[in-house]
Amino acid sequence: MSDINSKVAYFFIQEAGKKVNNNGKICTIVTSLLAAYTGLYSTYAGMKAPVEHFTRAASKEFGPKGISVTAVAPGPMDTPFFYGQEADDAVAYHKSASALSGLTDIKDIAPLVEFLVTDGWWITGQTIFANGGYTTR
């Protein structure tokens, strides 16, 4: 879990910082569970938490080159991976927990990432919680 959710991100950000042109953009994906007060997700959320810090630190380190670095934190996503991990009652809870009533769809996240790496370049060092009101900070 650590290798996939934090170590890979660390090396991705490190290499991106070397290879991205001046005024480039880097966007990482974390989880809205970083703002949740819940049990049962300690390993997953705990392994994503370092990525939020790596993102913030990289934004400071790469800032002099004009490189913006952001993190997007989707809520529980409507994917086969999600359903394979959750019991029916947990799926029902997560669907009802967002203010907009439902799970996050990739179509909700892709345009945000696209914006952050184009017109939203001025946003840096931030985690954007894109989750329909599932969690807030």
N, C-alpha and C. Protein backbone atom coordinates (compact mmCIF):
# COMPACT_ATOMS: atom_id res chain seq x y z
N MET A 1 0.83 -1.19 0.00
CA MET A 1 0.00 0.00 0.00
C MET A 1 0.88 1.25 0.00
N SER A 2 1.93 1.22 0.77
CA SER A 2 2.84 2.37 0.82
C SER A 2 3.53 2.60 -0.52
N ASP A 3 3.98 1.53 -1.14
CA ASP A 3 4.66 1.66 -2.44
C ASP A 3 3.76 2.30 -3.49
N ILE A 4 2.51 1.86 -3.53
CA ILE A 4 1.58 2.35 -4.55
C ILE A 4 1.09 3.76 -4.25
N ASN A 5 0.72 4.02 -3.01
CA ASN A 5 0.03 5.27 -2.69
C ASN A 5 0.92 6.41 -2.24
N SER A 6 2.15 6.15 -1.85
CA SER A 6 2.99 7.29 -1.48
C SER A 6 4.38 7.25 -2.12
N LYS A 7 5.01 6.12 -2.12
CA LYS A 7 6.37 6.05 -2.66
C LYS A 7 6.40 6.39 -4.16
N VAL A 8 5.49 5.82 -4.91
CA VAL A 8 5.42 6.11 -6.35
C VAL A 8 5.18 7.60 -6.58
N ALA A 9 4.27 8.18 -5.80
CA ALA A 9 3.97 9.61 -5.95
C ALA A 9 5.20 10.46 -5.63
N TYR A 10 5.94 10.07 -4.61
CA TYR A 10 7.15 10.81 -4.25
C TYR A 10 8.13 10.85 -5.42
N PHE A 11 8.39 9.69 -6.01
CA PHE A 11 9.34 9.63 -7.13
C PHE A 11 8.77 10.28 -8.39
N PHE A 12 7.45 10.19 -8.58
CA PHE A 12 6.81 10.87 -9.72
C PHE A 12 7.03 12.38 -9.60
N ILE A 13 6.74 12.93 -8.44
CA ILE A 13 6.90 14.38 -8.23
C ILE A 13 8.37 14.77 -8.39
N GLN A 14 9.25 13.97 -7.83
CA GLN A 14 10.69 14.27 -7.93
C GLN A 14 11.14 14.32 -9.39
N GLU A 15 10.76 13.33 -10.17
CA GLU A 15 11.15 13.29 -11.58
C GLU A 15 10.46 14.38 -12.39
N ALA A 16 9.18 14.61 -12.09
CA ALA A 16 8.45 15.66 -12.80
C ALA A 16 9.13 17.01 -12.58
N GLY A 17 9.58 17.26 -11.36
CA GLY A 17 10.26 18.51 -11.06
C GLY A 17 11.53 18.70 -11.87
N LYS A 18 12.16 17.59 -12.25
CA LYS A 18 13.38 17.66 -13.07
C LYS A 18 13.06 17.84 -14.55
N LYS A 19 11.94 17.28 -14.98
CA LYS A 19 11.66 17.20 -16.41
C LYS A 19 10.63 18.19 -16.93
N VAL A 20 9.75 18.69 -16.06
CA VAL A 20 8.73 19.64 -16.50
C VAL A 20 9.40 20.97 -16.83
N ASN A 21 9.00 21.56 -17.93
CA ASN A 21 9.54 22.86 -18.34
C ASN A 21 9.16 23.94 -17.33
N ASN A 22 9.93 25.02 -17.33
CA ASN A 22 9.55 26.18 -16.54
C ASN A 22 8.11 26.55 -16.87
N ASN A 23 7.38 27.00 -15.86
CA ASN A 23 5.97 27.36 -15.98
C ASN A 23 5.08 26.16 -16.29
N GLY A 24 5.56 24.96 -15.97
CA GLY A 24 4.78 23.75 -16.16
C GLY A 24 3.85 23.50 -14.99
N LYS A 25 3.15 22.39 -15.04
CA LYS A 25 2.18 22.05 -14.02
C LYS A 25 2.29 20.59 -13.64
N ILE A 26 2.07 20.31 -12.36
CA ILE A 26 2.04 18.94 -11.85
C ILE A 26 0.78 18.83 -11.00
N CYS A 27 0.04 17.75 -11.17
CA CYS A 27 -1.16 17.52 -10.37
C CYS A 27 -1.14 16.09 -9.84
N THR A 28 -1.32 15.95 -8.54
CA THR A 28 -1.39 14.63 -7.93
C THR A 28 -2.83 14.33 -7.54
N ILE A 29 -3.10 13.06 -7.30
CA ILE A 29 -4.43 12.63 -6.86
C ILE A 29 -4.29 12.04 -5.47
N VAL A 30 -5.07 12.58 -4.53
CA VAL A 30 -5.07 12.06 -3.16
C VAL A 30 -6.48 11.54 -2.87
N THR A 31 -7.02 11.74 -1.70
CA THR A 31 -8.34 11.24 -1.35
C THR A 31 -9.04 12.19 -0.40
N SER A 32 -10.34 12.29 -0.53
CA SER A 32 -11.12 13.11 0.40
C SER A 32 -11.12 12.52 1.80
N LEU A 33 -10.71 11.29 1.93
CA LEU A 33 -10.61 10.69 3.27
C LEU A 33 -9.58 11.41 4.13
N LEU A 34 -8.73 12.24 3.52
CA LEU A 34 -7.78 13.03 4.30
C LEU A 34 -8.50 14.01 5.22
N ALA A 35 -9.75 14.35 4.90
CA ALA A 35 -10.52 15.27 5.72
C ALA A 35 -11.66 14.55 6.46
N ALA A 36 -11.70 13.24 6.38
CA ALA A 36 -12.78 12.49 7.01
C ALA A 36 -12.38 12.04 8.42
N TYR A 37 -13.36 12.01 9.28
CA TYR A 37 -13.18 11.48 10.63
C TYR A 37 -13.89 10.14 10.66
N THR A 38 -13.17 9.10 10.29
CA THR A 38 -13.77 7.78 10.13
C THR A 38 -12.75 6.69 10.41
N GLY A 39 -13.23 5.58 10.81
CA GLY A 39 -12.38 4.40 10.95
C GLY A 39 -12.36 3.63 9.64
N LEU A 40 -11.73 2.51 9.65
CA LEU A 40 -11.73 1.54 8.54
C LEU A 40 -10.89 1.95 7.33
N TYR A 41 -10.42 3.17 7.26
CA TYR A 41 -9.65 3.61 6.11
C TYR A 41 -8.26 4.11 6.50
N SER A 42 -7.80 3.71 7.65
CA SER A 42 -6.53 4.25 8.15
C SER A 42 -5.36 3.96 7.22
N THR A 43 -5.31 2.77 6.68
CA THR A 43 -4.18 2.42 5.82
C THR A 43 -4.22 3.21 4.52
N TYR A 44 -5.36 3.24 3.87
CA TYR A 44 -5.47 3.95 2.59
C TYR A 44 -5.24 5.45 2.78
N ALA A 45 -5.99 6.07 3.68
CA ALA A 45 -5.84 7.51 3.90
C ALA A 45 -4.45 7.83 4.44
N GLY A 46 -3.94 6.98 5.30
CA GLY A 46 -2.61 7.21 5.86
C GLY A 46 -1.51 7.13 4.82
N MET A 47 -1.68 6.33 3.80
CA MET A 47 -0.68 6.23 2.74
C MET A 47 -0.85 7.33 1.69
N LYS A 48 -2.01 7.96 1.63
CA LYS A 48 -2.22 9.09 0.73
C LYS A 48 -1.81 10.41 1.39
N ALA A 49 -1.84 10.47 2.71
CA ALA A 49 -1.50 11.70 3.43
C ALA A 49 -0.12 12.25 3.07
N PRO A 50 0.91 11.42 2.94
CA PRO A 50 2.21 11.97 2.56
C PRO A 50 2.20 12.66 1.19
N VAL A 51 1.35 12.20 0.29
CA VAL A 51 1.29 12.78 -1.05
C VAL A 51 0.83 14.23 -0.97
N GLU A 52 -0.08 14.51 -0.06
CA GLU A 52 -0.52 15.89 0.12
C GLU A 52 0.65 16.76 0.56
N HIS A 53 1.45 16.26 1.47
CA HIS A 53 2.61 17.04 1.90
C HIS A 53 3.67 17.13 0.80
N PHE A 54 3.92 16.04 0.09
CA PHE A 54 4.88 16.09 -1.02
C PHE A 54 4.45 17.16 -2.03
N THR A 55 3.16 17.23 -2.29
CA THR A 55 2.61 18.21 -3.24
C THR A 55 2.87 19.62 -2.74
N ARG A 56 2.57 19.85 -1.48
CA ARG A 56 2.76 21.18 -0.90
C ARG A 56 4.23 21.58 -0.92
N ALA A 57 5.10 20.67 -0.50
CA ALA A 57 6.54 20.96 -0.47
C ALA A 57 7.08 21.19 -1.88
N ALA A 58 6.64 20.37 -2.84
CA ALA A 58 7.11 20.52 -4.22
C ALA A 58 6.68 21.86 -4.79
N SER A 59 5.49 22.33 -4.41
CA SER A 59 5.04 23.63 -4.93
C SER A 59 5.98 24.74 -4.48
N LYS A 60 6.49 24.62 -3.29
CA LYS A 60 7.43 25.62 -2.77
C LYS A 60 8.80 25.47 -3.46
N GLU A 61 9.23 24.23 -3.61
CA GLU A 61 10.55 23.97 -4.22
C GLU A 61 10.58 24.31 -5.71
N PHE A 62 9.49 24.03 -6.42
CA PHE A 62 9.47 24.24 -7.87
C PHE A 62 8.92 25.61 -8.25
N GLY A 63 8.40 26.35 -7.28
CA GLY A 63 7.83 27.67 -7.53
C GLY A 63 8.76 28.63 -8.25
N PRO A 64 10.05 28.68 -7.87
CA PRO A 64 10.95 29.60 -8.57
C PRO A 64 11.05 29.33 -10.08
N LYS A 65 10.70 28.11 -10.51
CA LYS A 65 10.70 27.78 -11.94
C LYS A 65 9.32 28.03 -12.57
N GLY A 66 8.39 28.56 -11.76
CA GLY A 66 7.05 28.83 -12.26
C GLY A 66 6.18 27.60 -12.37
N ILE A 67 6.61 26.49 -11.76
CA ILE A 67 5.86 25.24 -11.83
C ILE A 67 4.83 25.21 -10.70
N SER A 68 3.57 25.05 -11.05
CA SER A 68 2.53 24.91 -10.04
C SER A 68 2.31 23.43 -9.76
N VAL A 69 2.04 23.12 -8.50
CA VAL A 69 1.85 21.74 -8.07
C VAL A 69 0.61 21.69 -7.18
N THR A 70 -0.37 20.91 -7.59
CA THR A 70 -1.62 20.81 -6.85
C THR A 70 -1.99 19.36 -6.61
N ALA A 71 -2.92 19.17 -5.68
CA ALA A 71 -3.48 17.84 -5.41
C ALA A 71 -5.00 17.93 -5.55
N VAL A 72 -5.59 16.90 -6.10
CA VAL A 72 -7.04 16.79 -6.19
C VAL A 72 -7.44 15.61 -5.31
N ALA A 73 -8.46 15.85 -4.47
CA ALA A 73 -8.92 14.83 -3.52
C ALA A 73 -10.36 14.44 -3.85
N PRO A 74 -10.54 13.44 -4.72
CA PRO A 74 -11.90 12.99 -5.03
C PRO A 74 -12.53 12.29 -3.82
N GLY A 75 -13.85 12.29 -3.82
CA GLY A 75 -14.58 11.48 -2.85
C GLY A 75 -14.62 10.05 -3.34
N PRO A 76 -15.34 9.17 -2.63
CA PRO A 76 -15.47 7.79 -3.10
C PRO A 76 -15.96 7.80 -4.54
N MET A 77 -15.26 7.04 -5.37
CA MET A 77 -15.55 7.11 -6.81
C MET A 77 -16.34 5.90 -7.29
N ASP A 78 -17.20 6.18 -8.22
CA ASP A 78 -18.06 5.16 -8.82
C ASP A 78 -17.23 4.36 -9.83
N THR A 79 -16.42 3.44 -9.29
CA THR A 79 -15.55 2.59 -10.11
C THR A 79 -15.66 1.14 -9.65
N PRO A 80 -15.29 0.19 -10.48
CA PRO A 80 -15.29 -1.21 -10.06
C PRO A 80 -14.40 -1.44 -8.83
N PHE A 81 -13.31 -0.70 -8.71
CA PHE A 81 -12.43 -0.83 -7.54
C PHE A 81 -13.20 -0.54 -6.25
N PHE A 82 -14.00 0.52 -6.25
CA PHE A 82 -14.76 0.90 -5.06
C PHE A 82 -15.73 -0.20 -4.66
N TYR A 83 -16.52 -0.68 -5.60
CA TYR A 83 -17.53 -1.69 -5.28
C TYR A 83 -16.91 -3.01 -4.82
N GLY A 84 -15.74 -3.31 -5.34
CA GLY A 84 -15.07 -4.55 -4.94
C GLY A 84 -14.56 -4.52 -3.51
N GLN A 85 -14.42 -3.32 -2.95
CA GLN A 85 -13.86 -3.16 -1.60
C GLN A 85 -14.92 -2.96 -0.53
N GLU A 86 -16.13 -2.58 -0.90
CA GLU A 86 -17.14 -2.13 0.05
C GLU A 86 -18.35 -3.06 0.12
N ALA A 87 -18.89 -3.22 1.32
CA ALA A 87 -20.14 -3.95 1.51
C ALA A 87 -21.29 -3.06 1.04
N ASP A 88 -22.45 -3.66 0.78
CA ASP A 88 -23.60 -2.91 0.28
C ASP A 88 -24.00 -1.76 1.21
N ASP A 89 -23.95 -1.98 2.52
CA ASP A 89 -24.33 -0.91 3.44
C ASP A 89 -23.33 0.24 3.41
N ALA A 90 -22.05 -0.07 3.20
CA ALA A 90 -21.03 0.99 3.10
C ALA A 90 -21.23 1.78 1.80
N VAL A 91 -21.54 1.11 0.71
CA VAL A 91 -21.81 1.79 -0.55
C VAL A 91 -22.98 2.75 -0.37
N ALA A 92 -24.04 2.28 0.28
CA ALA A 92 -25.21 3.13 0.51
C ALA A 92 -24.84 4.34 1.36
N TYR A 93 -24.03 4.13 2.39
CA TYR A 93 -23.60 5.25 3.24
C TYR A 93 -22.82 6.28 2.42
N HIS A 94 -21.82 5.83 1.68
CA HIS A 94 -20.98 6.76 0.92
C HIS A 94 -21.80 7.53 -0.11
N LYS A 95 -22.76 6.88 -0.73
CA LYS A 95 -23.62 7.57 -1.70
C LYS A 95 -24.44 8.65 -1.03
N SER A 96 -24.88 8.41 0.20
CA SER A 96 -25.73 9.38 0.89
C SER A 96 -24.94 10.44 1.64
N ALA A 97 -23.64 10.24 1.83
CA ALA A 97 -22.84 11.15 2.66
C ALA A 97 -22.50 12.47 1.97
N SER A 98 -22.49 12.49 0.65
CA SER A 98 -22.15 13.75 -0.02
C SER A 98 -23.37 14.66 -0.06
N ALA A 99 -23.12 15.95 0.01
CA ALA A 99 -24.20 16.93 -0.04
C ALA A 99 -24.96 16.86 -1.35
N LEU A 100 -24.29 16.42 -2.41
CA LEU A 100 -24.92 16.33 -3.72
C LEU A 100 -25.44 14.93 -4.02
N SER A 101 -25.43 14.05 -3.00
CA SER A 101 -26.04 12.71 -3.07
C SER A 101 -25.51 11.84 -4.20
N GLY A 102 -24.36 11.29 -4.00
CA GLY A 102 -23.85 10.34 -4.97
C GLY A 102 -22.35 10.17 -4.85
N LEU A 103 -21.85 9.25 -5.63
CA LEU A 103 -20.41 9.01 -5.68
C LEU A 103 -19.77 9.91 -6.72
N THR A 104 -18.49 10.14 -6.55
CA THR A 104 -17.73 10.93 -7.51
C THR A 104 -17.58 10.14 -8.80
N ASP A 105 -17.73 10.82 -9.91
CA ASP A 105 -17.56 10.23 -11.23
C ASP A 105 -16.26 10.78 -11.82
N ILE A 106 -15.56 9.99 -12.58
CA ILE A 106 -14.32 10.45 -13.21
C ILE A 106 -14.59 11.71 -14.05
N LYS A 107 -15.81 11.84 -14.59
CA LYS A 107 -16.17 13.02 -15.37
C LYS A 107 -16.23 14.28 -14.51
N ASP A 108 -16.31 14.10 -13.18
CA ASP A 108 -16.27 15.24 -12.27
C ASP A 108 -14.83 15.67 -11.98
N ILE A 109 -13.89 14.77 -12.13
CA ILE A 109 -12.50 15.02 -11.75
C ILE A 109 -11.65 15.45 -12.94
N ALA A 110 -11.80 14.82 -14.08
CA ALA A 110 -10.96 15.11 -15.24
C ALA A 110 -10.98 16.59 -15.63
N PRO A 111 -12.15 17.26 -15.69
CA PRO A 111 -12.13 18.69 -16.06
C PRO A 111 -11.41 19.55 -15.02
N LEU A 112 -11.48 19.17 -13.76
CA LEU A 112 -10.78 19.92 -12.72
C LEU A 112 -9.27 19.80 -12.90
N VAL A 113 -8.80 18.59 -13.14
CA VAL A 113 -7.36 18.38 -13.38
C VAL A 113 -6.94 19.16 -14.61
N GLU A 114 -7.75 19.08 -15.66
CA GLU A 114 -7.43 19.83 -16.88
C GLU A 114 -7.32 21.33 -16.59
N PHE A 115 -8.25 21.87 -15.81
CA PHE A 115 -8.20 23.28 -15.46
C PHE A 115 -6.93 23.60 -14.67
N LEU A 116 -6.59 22.77 -13.70
CA LEU A 116 -5.41 23.04 -12.87
C LEU A 116 -4.11 23.04 -13.66
N VAL A 117 -4.05 22.25 -14.72
CA VAL A 117 -2.81 22.19 -15.50
C VAL A 117 -2.85 23.10 -16.72
N THR A 118 -3.90 23.93 -16.81
CA THR A 118 -3.97 24.94 -17.89
C THR A 118 -4.25 26.30 -17.27
N ASP A 119 -5.48 26.73 -17.32
CA ASP A 119 -5.85 28.06 -16.84
C ASP A 119 -5.68 28.25 -15.34
N GLY A 120 -5.74 27.18 -14.58
CA GLY A 120 -5.64 27.28 -13.12
C GLY A 120 -4.23 27.24 -12.59
N TRP A 121 -3.27 27.58 -13.41
CA TRP A 121 -1.85 27.47 -13.05
C TRP A 121 -1.51 28.28 -11.80
N TRP A 122 -2.25 29.31 -11.49
CA TRP A 122 -1.93 30.16 -10.34
C TRP A 122 -2.23 29.46 -9.02
N ILE A 123 -3.05 28.43 -9.05
CA ILE A 123 -3.35 27.64 -7.86
C ILE A 123 -2.17 26.69 -7.66
N THR A 124 -1.52 26.78 -6.52
CA THR A 124 -0.38 25.90 -6.25
C THR A 124 -0.29 25.63 -4.76
N GLY A 125 0.20 24.44 -4.43
CA GLY A 125 0.35 24.06 -3.03
C GLY A 125 -0.96 23.74 -2.35
N GLN A 126 -2.02 23.59 -3.11
CA GLN A 126 -3.36 23.39 -2.56
C GLN A 126 -3.86 21.99 -2.83
N THR A 127 -4.73 21.53 -1.94
CA THR A 127 -5.50 20.32 -2.17
C THR A 127 -6.94 20.74 -2.41
N ILE A 128 -7.47 20.35 -3.56
CA ILE A 128 -8.84 20.67 -3.93
C ILE A 128 -9.70 19.45 -3.64
N PHE A 129 -10.64 19.59 -2.72
CA PHE A 129 -11.53 18.49 -2.35
C PHE A 129 -12.74 18.50 -3.30
N ALA A 130 -12.70 17.65 -4.30
CA ALA A 130 -13.73 17.57 -5.33
C ALA A 130 -14.57 16.32 -5.05
N ASN A 131 -15.58 16.49 -4.22
CA ASN A 131 -16.27 15.30 -3.72
C ASN A 131 -17.76 15.48 -3.50
N GLY A 132 -18.34 16.53 -4.06
CA GLY A 132 -19.76 16.75 -3.91
C GLY A 132 -20.19 17.03 -2.49
N GLY A 133 -19.28 17.50 -1.67
CA GLY A 133 -19.60 17.80 -0.27
C GLY A 133 -19.49 16.61 0.66
N TYR A 134 -18.76 15.60 0.23
CA TYR A 134 -18.53 14.41 1.08
C TYR A 134 -17.74 14.78 2.34
N THR A 135 -16.71 15.58 2.16
CA THR A 135 -15.91 16.10 3.29
C THR A 135 -15.54 17.54 2.96
N THR A 136 -15.20 18.28 3.99
CA THR A 136 -14.71 19.64 3.80
C THR A 136 -13.58 19.87 4.79
N ARG A 137 -12.80 20.90 4.54
CA ARG A 137 -11.78 21.32 5.50
C ARG A 137 -11.87 22.80 5.68
